[in-house]
Amino acid sequence: MNYFLDSEADQKTTDFKDGKAYGRVDDVEVLDEQSGSILVSYNAILKYDLHECGIQRRNNYRLNARLNSFQNNPYEKAVIFRVEIETTLKKEGFKDLDALERSYADSWFNIEILKHGRGAGDAKLYTNIFRPPIDAHLSFTKIYPRHQKKLNDEFSLATADTISHLELEQEISRRTPSAEYLAVYDVGQGNANALISSDYEECPVIYFDMGCGVGSHASTTPANLTFCTCNNPLVILSHWDKDHWAGALLSKSKTLPLTWVVPRQQLDAAHKSFAHEIIAAGGRLLVLDMPQKNMGASTLSNGQHLKFALGEGTTRNDSGIVLAIENPDVQFPSSWLLTGDCSYRFFPKSFQYSAPIAVVAPHHGGITKSNNIAPSPAPFNGYNRLIYSYGPDNKFRTTQHPTPSSINIHKLAGWDMGSWNSAPGHSTSTGNIRATSKHSPSPFERGGVMVGWEPIPVLPKVCVLGAPISKH
């Protein structure tokens, strides 16, 4: 396994060779809305290593080879790293965040490590997503479009096996007799949800994401986090952000050999390396092949429906897979809504679902715009759950999940925000809200959340081989 992904690897000194790398923007987080301060993150690979192991090498050209034909990760020995650097919209030459994200969404940069070590510079450089960073002083220059295409080709999913929305409908129906419970696990600053089919069979049949806290949020991940795989569950990945799949690396012998359904999004060296690790471990990687405007709908054995669609946005967050599970009660139709990091405003019009009694809030409760209108809760029996999955004391300078903007759009939609009206994040159970953690100075009440179709008087037993559940 590549060192960047290996949760069991010892800390080591990395040889950065001449310090020259190719890096792609992985994420942009707002640090301070007023000042325009942002945190830009890149995933990078040393040029020397890519020239040695890349699949476009002339002496071993494998660009057109099927992804599942690679028995090993071709980038296994490459130095892959993550860069986090604080900057401002003005310094980057943009007036608003949308314009920056559109420009950076498909952009590769030449990155040169000029100096690294304690106090070397204002950038943070992670050589392993579970280890502390080192300080670095870096230079960045944008790569010419012609060369960017070669890098996008190198790290694309063009040769991956696919699954159509009709095939996925059949696969879900085959695997899932019913959805009696929705589990939202405490994975720190990340996301992992699962569907459970009965009171007595407490092991998940489907996972929607399998993430955890990584990079600067690695410390938020609970100790000994693991996922139950007793039922050989299907894994549906909402999108390719690491905090939605990195948890699988903590119990890799169980989770990587599963079948993973993923969206077709442009990857970089870190994501492509993870994809190869799934295949090398004996797992199946299937890219969902469906138009963004369509909706898939599976009928489960008990008549429930599981609906899925792709967000219509252009960013990785807003073009991911979203799910809704519908209960077919004629008098009281309702649903559970699983969003990943996709903003509500990018749900396709075809994605129709009953009023939700439970929603896993988008992007851990990240900053959202006022035109991102949240769905109103089902009004039938007063049982509603708005669930936030985030890590304790996670913070990007002045921005902390959950944000006031996320609280406000849900409050406007009719969700009871309880004490979060004034201090979001300082309670795990208030009003309709259930959260996997809370922030200081309150003691951290950690633990996953179990949701039913009506109030749960007693928590069902949870498999001891999986992450714990403590709230309902």
Protein backbone atom coordinates (compact mmCIF):
# COMPACT_ATOMS: atom_id res chain seq x y z
CA MET A 1 0.00 0.00 0.00
CA ASN A 2 1.22 3.49 -0.76
CA TYR A 3 2.66 5.14 2.34
CA PHE A 4 0.32 8.13 1.98
CA LEU A 5 -2.69 5.85 2.59
CA ASP A 6 -1.26 3.37 5.08
CA SER A 7 -2.82 3.84 8.52
CA GLU A 8 -0.40 1.28 10.02
CA ALA A 9 2.81 2.77 8.63
CA ASP A 10 5.42 4.12 11.01
CA GLN A 11 6.47 7.75 10.77
CA LYS A 12 9.37 8.07 8.37
CA THR A 13 11.54 10.72 6.76
CA THR A 14 10.45 11.22 3.16
CA ASP A 15 12.93 11.74 0.35
CA PHE A 16 11.47 14.55 -1.74
CA LYS A 17 14.28 14.22 -4.31
CA ASP A 18 14.45 17.52 -6.23
CA GLY A 19 11.22 18.71 -4.59
CA LYS A 20 9.29 19.08 -7.85
CA ALA A 21 5.74 17.74 -8.01
CA TYR A 22 2.44 17.86 -9.86
CA GLY A 23 -0.46 18.90 -7.64
CA ARG A 24 -4.19 19.22 -8.16
CA VAL A 25 -6.55 21.31 -6.04
CA ASP A 26 -8.42 18.89 -3.81
CA ASP A 27 -10.46 21.19 -1.61
CA VAL A 28 -11.14 24.84 -0.81
CA GLU A 29 -12.45 25.72 2.66
CA VAL A 30 -13.55 29.17 3.80
CA LEU A 31 -11.65 30.30 6.91
CA ASP A 32 -13.24 33.72 7.32
CA GLU A 33 -16.11 34.95 5.16
CA GLN A 34 -15.47 38.58 6.03
CA SER A 35 -11.79 38.71 5.06
CA GLY A 36 -12.01 36.20 2.22
CA SER A 37 -9.45 33.99 3.94
CA ILE A 38 -9.43 30.43 2.57
CA LEU A 39 -7.56 27.16 2.98
CA VAL A 40 -6.55 25.58 -0.34
CA SER A 41 -5.54 21.91 -0.31
CA TYR A 42 -3.68 20.07 -3.04
CA ASN A 43 -2.93 16.39 -3.59
CA ALA A 44 0.48 16.00 -5.20
CA ILE A 45 2.89 13.41 -6.57
CA LEU A 46 6.62 13.87 -7.14
CA LYS A 47 7.40 14.32 -10.83
CA TYR A 48 10.36 11.97 -10.57
CA ASP A 49 8.13 9.17 -9.24
CA LEU A 50 5.34 9.77 -11.75
CA HIS A 51 7.86 9.57 -14.59
CA GLU A 52 9.03 6.24 -13.12
CA CYS A 53 5.64 4.62 -12.48
CA GLY A 54 3.09 6.51 -14.58
CA ILE A 55 0.85 4.48 -16.88
CA GLN A 56 1.73 6.71 -19.86
CA ARG A 57 5.42 5.72 -19.89
CA ARG A 58 6.58 4.84 -23.39
CA ASN A 59 8.29 1.63 -22.32
CA ASN A 60 5.20 0.41 -20.46
CA TYR A 61 2.20 2.20 -21.91
CA ARG A 62 -0.93 1.16 -20.00
CA LEU A 63 -3.19 4.19 -20.32
CA ASN A 64 -5.88 2.14 -22.09
CA ALA A 65 -5.62 -0.92 -19.85
CA ARG A 66 -8.72 -1.83 -17.85
CA LEU A 67 -8.43 -0.58 -14.29
CA ASN A 68 -9.21 -4.01 -12.87
CA SER A 69 -6.34 -5.53 -14.87
CA PHE A 70 -3.80 -3.93 -12.52
CA GLN A 71 -2.94 -6.53 -9.90
CA ASN A 72 -0.98 -3.96 -7.90
CA ASN A 73 -1.18 -0.24 -7.36
CA PRO A 74 1.23 1.23 -9.95
CA TYR A 75 1.76 4.27 -7.69
CA GLU A 76 2.53 2.16 -4.62
CA LYS A 77 6.11 3.39 -4.20
CA ALA A 78 5.51 6.97 -5.35
CA VAL A 79 5.76 9.89 -2.94
CA ILE A 80 2.22 11.24 -2.76
CA PHE A 81 1.48 14.09 -0.39
CA ARG A 82 -1.12 16.66 0.58
CA VAL A 83 -0.50 20.40 0.85
CA GLU A 84 -2.63 22.80 2.90
CA ILE A 85 -1.93 26.51 2.59
CA GLU A 86 -3.79 29.58 3.82
CA THR A 87 -4.41 32.37 1.34
CA THR A 88 -7.13 34.87 0.41
CA LEU A 89 -9.48 35.27 -2.52
CA LYS A 90 -7.84 38.62 -3.32
CA LYS A 91 -4.33 37.14 -3.28
CA GLU A 92 -5.50 34.40 -5.66
CA GLY A 93 -7.02 37.01 -7.97
CA PHE A 94 -10.74 36.32 -7.38
CA LYS A 95 -13.64 38.36 -6.03
CA ASP A 96 -15.81 35.45 -4.86
CA LEU A 97 -15.45 31.81 -3.89
CA ASP A 98 -17.59 30.44 -6.76
CA ALA A 99 -15.27 31.99 -9.35
CA LEU A 100 -12.20 30.55 -7.62
CA GLU A 101 -13.74 27.08 -7.36
CA ARG A 102 -14.72 27.12 -11.04
CA SER A 103 -11.18 28.09 -12.01
CA TYR A 104 -9.45 25.64 -9.68
CA ALA A 105 -11.85 22.71 -10.12
CA ASP A 106 -9.86 21.12 -12.95
CA SER A 107 -6.50 22.79 -12.46
CA TRP A 108 -3.08 21.23 -11.99
CA PHE A 109 -0.08 23.12 -10.63
CA ASN A 110 3.66 22.72 -10.65
CA ILE A 111 4.59 22.58 -6.97
CA GLU A 112 8.18 22.95 -5.83
CA ILE A 113 9.26 22.24 -2.27
CA LEU A 114 11.86 24.94 -1.65
CA LYS A 115 12.40 24.11 2.02
CA HIS A 116 10.78 21.81 4.56
CA GLY A 117 11.08 21.19 8.28
CA ARG A 118 10.06 22.92 11.47
CA GLY A 119 9.38 26.61 10.79
CA ALA A 120 10.35 26.30 7.12
CA GLY A 121 7.26 28.05 5.76
CA ASP A 122 3.53 28.70 5.99
CA ALA A 123 2.38 25.57 4.14
CA LYS A 124 1.53 22.28 5.83
CA LEU A 125 2.70 19.15 4.04
CA TYR A 126 1.24 15.72 4.86
CA THR A 127 3.10 12.64 3.65
CA ASN A 128 0.50 10.37 5.28
CA ILE A 129 -3.16 11.30 5.77
CA PHE A 130 -3.13 9.93 9.32
CA ARG A 131 0.14 11.57 10.46
CA PRO A 132 1.05 15.12 11.58
CA PRO A 133 2.29 17.54 8.89
CA ILE A 134 5.64 19.18 8.37
CA ASP A 135 6.14 22.87 7.64
CA ALA A 136 7.19 23.76 4.11
CA HIS A 137 7.93 26.71 1.88
CA LEU A 138 6.54 26.06 -1.60
CA SER A 139 6.16 27.70 -4.98
CA PHE A 140 3.17 27.20 -7.29
CA THR A 141 2.77 27.77 -11.02
CA LYS A 142 -0.21 26.74 -13.12
CA ILE A 143 0.38 24.03 -15.72
CA TYR A 144 -0.39 24.58 -19.40
CA PRO A 145 -3.77 23.14 -20.51
CA ARG A 146 -2.12 20.68 -22.94
CA HIS A 147 -0.11 19.16 -20.12
CA GLN A 148 -3.10 19.23 -17.77
CA LYS A 149 -4.93 16.88 -20.13
CA LYS A 150 -2.14 14.32 -19.82
CA LEU A 151 -2.36 14.47 -16.04
CA ASN A 152 -6.17 14.16 -16.11
CA ASP A 153 -5.82 11.15 -18.41
CA GLU A 154 -3.30 9.57 -16.04
CA PHE A 155 -5.66 9.86 -13.07
CA SER A 156 -9.05 9.34 -14.68
CA LEU A 157 -11.64 6.59 -14.26
CA ALA A 158 -12.02 6.17 -18.03
CA THR A 159 -11.04 2.47 -17.98
CA ALA A 160 -12.89 1.49 -14.81
CA ASP A 161 -15.74 -1.01 -14.85
CA THR A 162 -19.16 0.64 -14.82
CA ILE A 163 -22.61 -0.03 -13.45
CA SER A 164 -25.71 1.49 -15.04
CA HIS A 165 -28.48 2.94 -12.89
CA LEU A 166 -30.68 -0.02 -13.89
CA GLU A 167 -28.00 -2.50 -12.81
CA LEU A 168 -27.52 -0.63 -9.54
CA GLU A 169 -31.27 -0.73 -8.93
CA GLN A 170 -31.17 -4.51 -9.31
CA GLU A 171 -28.04 -4.86 -7.14
CA ILE A 172 -29.60 -2.85 -4.31
CA SER A 173 -32.87 -4.80 -4.50
CA ARG A 174 -30.96 -8.09 -4.41
CA ARG A 175 -28.89 -7.12 -1.39
CA THR A 176 -31.42 -5.19 0.68
CA PRO A 177 -34.56 -6.85 2.03
CA SER A 178 -35.53 -3.71 3.93
CA ALA A 179 -34.22 -0.57 5.59
CA GLU A 180 -35.40 -0.66 9.18
CA TYR A 181 -32.67 1.54 10.63
CA LEU A 182 -30.28 4.22 9.45
CA ALA A 183 -26.95 4.36 11.28
CA VAL A 184 -24.83 7.51 11.21
CA TYR A 185 -21.45 6.64 12.68
CA ASP A 186 -19.11 8.82 14.69
CA VAL A 187 -16.02 8.90 12.49
CA GLY A 188 -14.74 12.32 13.51
CA GLN A 189 -14.63 15.02 10.84
CA GLY A 190 -15.99 12.77 8.10
CA ASN A 191 -19.04 10.81 7.04
CA ALA A 192 -20.18 7.18 7.21
CA ASN A 193 -23.78 5.95 7.13
CA ALA A 194 -25.34 2.50 6.85
CA LEU A 195 -28.68 0.79 6.30
CA ILE A 196 -29.66 -2.03 8.67
CA SER A 197 -32.40 -4.47 7.73
CA SER A 198 -33.87 -5.74 11.01
CA ASP A 199 -33.84 -5.68 14.81
CA TYR A 200 -32.08 -9.02 14.87
CA GLU A 201 -29.66 -8.66 11.97
CA GLU A 202 -27.76 -5.63 13.22
CA CYS A 203 -25.03 -5.73 10.58
CA PRO A 204 -25.25 -3.18 7.71
CA VAL A 205 -26.32 -4.25 4.23
CA ILE A 206 -25.31 -0.99 2.54
CA TYR A 207 -22.82 1.70 3.51
CA PHE A 208 -23.15 5.21 2.17
CA ASP A 209 -19.60 6.51 2.62
CA MET A 210 -16.93 5.06 4.89
CA GLY A 211 -14.92 8.09 5.94
CA CYS A 212 -13.04 9.50 8.93
CA GLY A 213 -11.02 12.54 9.93
CA VAL A 214 -7.80 12.94 7.95
CA GLY A 215 -4.98 15.47 7.58
CA SER A 216 -5.45 18.35 10.01
CA HIS A 217 -8.56 16.56 11.34
CA ALA A 218 -6.98 13.12 11.83
CA SER A 219 -7.08 13.64 15.61
CA THR A 220 -10.90 13.80 15.51
CA THR A 221 -11.18 10.14 14.44
CA PRO A 222 -12.25 7.87 17.33
CA ALA A 223 -9.68 5.39 18.55
CA ASN A 224 -10.02 1.87 17.08
CA LEU A 225 -12.66 2.90 14.54
CA THR A 226 -13.80 -0.11 12.52
CA PHE A 227 -16.73 -1.08 10.28
CA CYS A 228 -18.82 -4.24 10.39
CA THR A 229 -18.66 -6.24 7.14
CA CYS A 230 -20.48 -9.39 8.31
CA ASN A 231 -23.09 -9.06 5.54
CA ASN A 232 -20.57 -8.34 2.77
CA PRO A 233 -22.23 -4.93 2.38
CA LEU A 234 -22.29 -2.80 -0.74
CA VAL A 235 -20.43 0.50 -0.37
CA ILE A 236 -21.83 3.53 -2.20
CA LEU A 237 -19.37 6.42 -2.21
CA SER A 238 -21.05 9.82 -2.39
CA HIS A 239 -17.96 11.53 -3.83
CA TRP A 240 -14.16 11.33 -3.77
CA ASP A 241 -13.29 13.59 -0.81
CA LYS A 242 -10.97 11.60 1.48
CA ASP A 243 -13.03 12.18 4.63
CA HIS A 244 -15.76 10.10 2.96
CA TRP A 245 -13.59 7.03 2.18
CA ALA A 246 -10.45 7.10 4.35
CA GLY A 247 -12.13 5.22 7.22
CA ALA A 248 -11.98 2.10 5.06
CA LEU A 249 -8.19 2.20 5.40
CA LEU A 250 -8.48 1.64 9.18
CA SER A 251 -9.89 -1.88 8.67
CA LYS A 252 -8.61 -2.37 5.13
CA SER A 253 -8.50 -6.18 5.15
CA LYS A 254 -12.30 -6.19 5.65
CA THR A 255 -13.44 -3.10 3.77
CA LEU A 256 -11.27 -2.82 0.65
CA PRO A 257 -12.36 -6.24 -0.74
CA LEU A 258 -16.01 -5.10 -0.86
CA THR A 259 -17.90 -3.84 -3.92
CA TRP A 260 -17.64 -0.06 -4.19
CA VAL A 261 -20.00 2.02 -6.37
CA VAL A 262 -18.47 5.43 -7.05
CA PRO A 263 -19.28 8.56 -9.08
CA ARG A 264 -17.30 9.38 -12.20
CA GLN A 265 -15.21 12.33 -11.08
CA GLN A 266 -11.75 13.52 -12.04
CA LEU A 267 -9.18 12.01 -9.68
CA ASP A 268 -5.62 12.82 -8.70
CA ALA A 269 -2.76 10.64 -7.47
CA ALA A 270 -4.23 10.18 -3.96
CA HIS A 271 -7.69 9.12 -5.16
CA LYS A 272 -6.44 6.94 -8.01
CA SER A 273 -4.05 5.21 -5.62
CA PHE A 274 -6.99 4.39 -3.33
CA ALA A 275 -8.97 3.04 -6.29
CA HIS A 276 -6.07 0.74 -7.18
CA GLU A 277 -5.80 -0.41 -3.56
CA ILE A 278 -9.45 -1.56 -3.65
CA ILE A 279 -8.77 -3.65 -6.74
CA ALA A 280 -5.45 -4.98 -5.42
CA ALA A 281 -7.25 -6.15 -2.27
CA GLY A 282 -9.77 -8.12 -4.33
CA GLY A 283 -12.55 -5.56 -4.24
CA ARG A 284 -14.69 -4.34 -7.15
CA LEU A 285 -14.76 -0.69 -8.20
CA LEU A 286 -17.82 0.19 -10.28
CA VAL A 287 -18.37 3.68 -11.67
CA LEU A 288 -22.03 4.74 -11.70
CA ASP A 289 -22.86 5.39 -15.34
CA MET A 290 -26.01 7.54 -15.45
CA PRO A 291 -26.98 11.03 -16.64
CA GLN A 292 -27.03 13.75 -13.99
CA LYS A 293 -30.69 14.53 -14.69
CA ASN A 294 -31.91 10.96 -14.10
CA MET A 295 -33.00 9.19 -10.93
CA GLY A 296 -32.62 5.51 -10.08
CA ALA A 297 -35.17 3.75 -7.88
CA SER A 298 -34.85 0.30 -6.30
CA THR A 299 -37.79 -1.52 -4.74
CA LEU A 300 -36.89 -3.49 -1.64
CA SER A 301 -38.58 -6.73 -0.60
CA ASN A 302 -40.90 -5.00 1.87
CA GLY A 303 -41.98 -2.35 -0.65
CA GLN A 304 -39.66 0.42 0.47
CA HIS A 305 -37.83 2.40 -2.22
CA LEU A 306 -34.21 3.46 -2.36
CA LYS A 307 -33.72 6.34 -4.76
CA PHE A 308 -30.42 7.75 -5.98
CA ALA A 309 -29.21 10.50 -8.27
CA LEU A 310 -26.14 12.56 -9.12
CA GLY A 311 -25.94 16.20 -8.10
CA GLU A 312 -25.98 18.63 -11.00
CA GLY A 313 -23.18 20.85 -9.72
CA THR A 314 -19.73 21.14 -11.26
CA THR A 315 -17.63 20.69 -8.11
CA ARG A 316 -16.80 17.29 -6.61
CA ASN A 317 -19.10 17.94 -3.64
CA ASP A 318 -22.09 18.98 -5.71
CA SER A 319 -21.81 16.32 -8.44
CA GLY A 320 -21.77 13.34 -6.05
CA ILE A 321 -24.33 10.62 -5.37
CA VAL A 322 -27.31 11.40 -3.12
CA LEU A 323 -29.71 8.83 -1.64
CA ALA A 324 -33.26 8.81 -0.32
CA ILE A 325 -34.94 5.82 1.33
CA GLU A 326 -38.76 5.96 1.24
CA ASN A 327 -41.21 4.22 3.55
CA PRO A 328 -44.29 3.19 1.53
CA ASP A 329 -46.88 3.97 4.23
CA VAL A 330 -49.87 5.30 2.27
CA GLN A 331 -51.13 7.48 5.11
CA PHE A 332 -47.74 8.73 6.34
CA PRO A 333 -45.20 8.60 3.51
CA SER A 334 -41.75 9.66 4.65
CA SER A 335 -38.06 9.30 3.82
CA TRP A 336 -34.49 9.40 5.06
CA LEU A 337 -32.22 11.69 3.05
CA LEU A 338 -28.46 11.11 2.73
CA THR A 339 -26.67 14.01 1.06
CA GLY A 340 -22.90 13.46 1.26
CA ASP A 341 -21.49 16.94 0.64
CA CYS A 342 -24.04 17.87 -2.06
CA SER A 343 -25.93 21.13 -1.54
CA TYR A 344 -29.72 20.84 -1.79
CA ARG A 345 -29.83 23.32 -4.65
CA PHE A 346 -27.94 20.89 -6.87
CA PHE A 347 -30.36 17.97 -6.45
CA PRO A 348 -31.83 17.23 -9.92
CA LYS A 349 -35.54 17.94 -10.37
CA SER A 350 -36.08 14.25 -11.10
CA PHE A 351 -34.90 13.37 -7.57
CA GLN A 352 -38.30 13.29 -5.89
CA TYR A 353 -38.78 11.88 -2.38
CA SER A 354 -41.35 12.00 0.40
CA ALA A 355 -40.97 14.59 3.15
CA PRO A 356 -37.99 13.45 5.24
CA ILE A 357 -38.21 12.46 8.87
CA ALA A 358 -34.41 12.25 8.88
CA VAL A 359 -31.69 14.14 7.01
CA VAL A 360 -27.92 13.75 7.26
CA ALA A 361 -26.93 17.40 6.84
CA PRO A 362 -24.79 18.24 3.77
CA HIS A 363 -21.05 18.77 4.19
CA HIS A 364 -21.06 18.21 7.99
CA GLY A 365 -22.93 21.50 8.36
CA GLY A 366 -20.48 23.56 6.32
CA ILE A 367 -20.96 27.10 5.07
CA THR A 368 -23.91 27.31 2.71
CA LYS A 369 -25.67 30.01 0.73
CA SER A 370 -29.13 31.38 1.49
CA ASN A 371 -30.48 30.05 -1.83
CA ASN A 372 -29.63 26.51 -0.70
CA ILE A 373 -33.16 25.71 0.49
CA ALA A 374 -33.43 22.75 2.86
CA PRO A 375 -36.38 20.31 2.68
CA SER A 376 -39.03 20.67 5.38
CA PRO A 377 -39.43 17.79 7.85
CA ALA A 378 -42.33 15.34 7.67
CA PRO A 379 -45.13 16.59 9.95
CA PHE A 380 -46.79 13.30 10.90
CA ASN A 381 -45.75 12.14 14.36
CA GLY A 382 -43.25 14.71 15.61
CA TYR A 383 -40.36 12.30 15.16
CA ASN A 384 -37.69 14.12 13.15
CA ARG A 385 -33.94 13.85 13.09
CA LEU A 386 -31.50 16.32 11.53
CA ILE A 387 -28.13 14.61 11.90
CA TYR A 388 -24.73 16.29 11.84
CA SER A 389 -21.54 14.28 11.44
CA TYR A 390 -18.44 16.25 12.37
CA GLY A 391 -15.37 16.00 14.58
CA PRO A 392 -14.97 17.52 18.05
CA ASP A 393 -13.29 20.94 18.00
CA ASN A 394 -12.76 20.83 14.24
CA LYS A 395 -11.95 24.34 13.10
CA PHE A 396 -10.73 26.32 10.11
CA ARG A 397 -9.73 29.55 11.91
CA THR A 398 -13.10 31.30 12.47
CA THR A 399 -15.12 28.58 10.71
CA GLN A 400 -16.27 25.52 12.64
CA HIS A 401 -18.74 22.80 11.70
CA PRO A 402 -21.66 23.14 12.05
CA THR A 403 -21.88 26.72 10.76
CA PRO A 404 -24.59 29.30 11.51
CA SER A 405 -25.53 29.33 7.81
CA SER A 406 -26.32 25.58 7.92
CA ILE A 407 -28.33 26.09 11.10
CA ASN A 408 -30.28 28.96 9.54
CA ILE A 409 -31.38 27.22 6.34
CA HIS A 410 -32.70 24.24 8.30
CA LYS A 411 -34.42 26.46 10.84
CA LEU A 412 -36.14 28.31 8.00
CA ALA A 413 -37.32 24.96 6.61
CA GLY A 414 -39.05 24.12 9.88
CA TRP A 415 -36.53 21.93 11.72
CA ASP A 416 -36.47 22.43 15.50
CA MET A 417 -32.87 23.53 16.16
CA GLY A 418 -33.23 23.54 19.95
CA SER A 419 -30.28 25.18 21.72
CA TRP A 420 -28.34 25.37 18.44
CA ASN A 421 -30.18 28.62 17.70
CA SER A 422 -27.51 30.37 19.73
CA ALA A 423 -24.57 27.97 20.11
CA PRO A 424 -24.40 25.43 17.31
CA GLY A 425 -22.30 22.41 18.13
CA HIS A 426 -22.41 22.57 21.94
CA SER A 427 -24.92 19.74 22.31
CA THR A 428 -25.42 16.38 20.60
CA SER A 429 -29.15 16.12 21.33
CA THR A 430 -31.35 19.18 21.11
CA GLY A 431 -34.68 19.71 19.34
CA ASN A 432 -34.66 17.65 16.14
CA ILE A 433 -30.85 17.58 16.11
CA ARG A 434 -28.63 14.61 16.78
CA ALA A 435 -24.87 15.01 16.31
CA THR A 436 -21.97 12.58 16.49
CA SER A 437 -19.91 14.95 18.65
CA LYS A 438 -19.85 18.43 20.19
CA HIS A 439 -17.32 21.13 20.88
CA SER A 440 -15.51 22.46 23.95
CA PRO A 441 -16.06 23.52 26.66
CA SER A 442 -18.73 20.81 26.84
CA PRO A 443 -17.45 17.26 27.43
CA PHE A 444 -17.34 15.34 24.18
CA GLU A 445 -20.40 13.09 23.99
CA ARG A 446 -19.14 10.91 21.17
CA GLY A 447 -21.10 8.20 19.45
CA GLY A 448 -23.12 7.27 16.41
CA VAL A 449 -26.82 7.92 15.88
CA MET A 450 -29.50 5.33 15.07
CA VAL A 451 -32.67 6.44 13.27
CA GLY A 452 -35.90 4.52 12.72
CA TRP A 453 -39.20 5.27 11.03
CA GLU A 454 -40.72 6.14 14.39
CA PRO A 455 -39.23 6.85 17.84
CA ILE A 456 -36.87 4.13 19.03
CA PRO A 457 -37.62 3.28 22.71
CA VAL A 458 -34.50 1.14 23.09
CA LEU A 459 -31.46 1.07 20.84
CA PRO A 460 -31.20 -2.19 18.86
CA LYS A 461 -28.12 -4.25 19.46
CA VAL A 462 -25.18 -3.27 17.26
CA CYS A 463 -22.53 -5.68 15.96
CA VAL A 464 -19.46 -5.65 18.20
CA LEU A 465 -17.30 -5.78 15.05
CA GLY A 466 -18.47 -2.33 13.98
CA ALA A 467 -18.53 1.28 15.17
CA PRO A 468 -20.60 1.92 18.31
CA ILE A 469 -24.02 3.58 18.38
CA SER A 470 -25.09 5.51 21.47
CA LYS A 471 -27.85 7.95 20.41
CA HIS A 472 -31.34 7.73 18.92
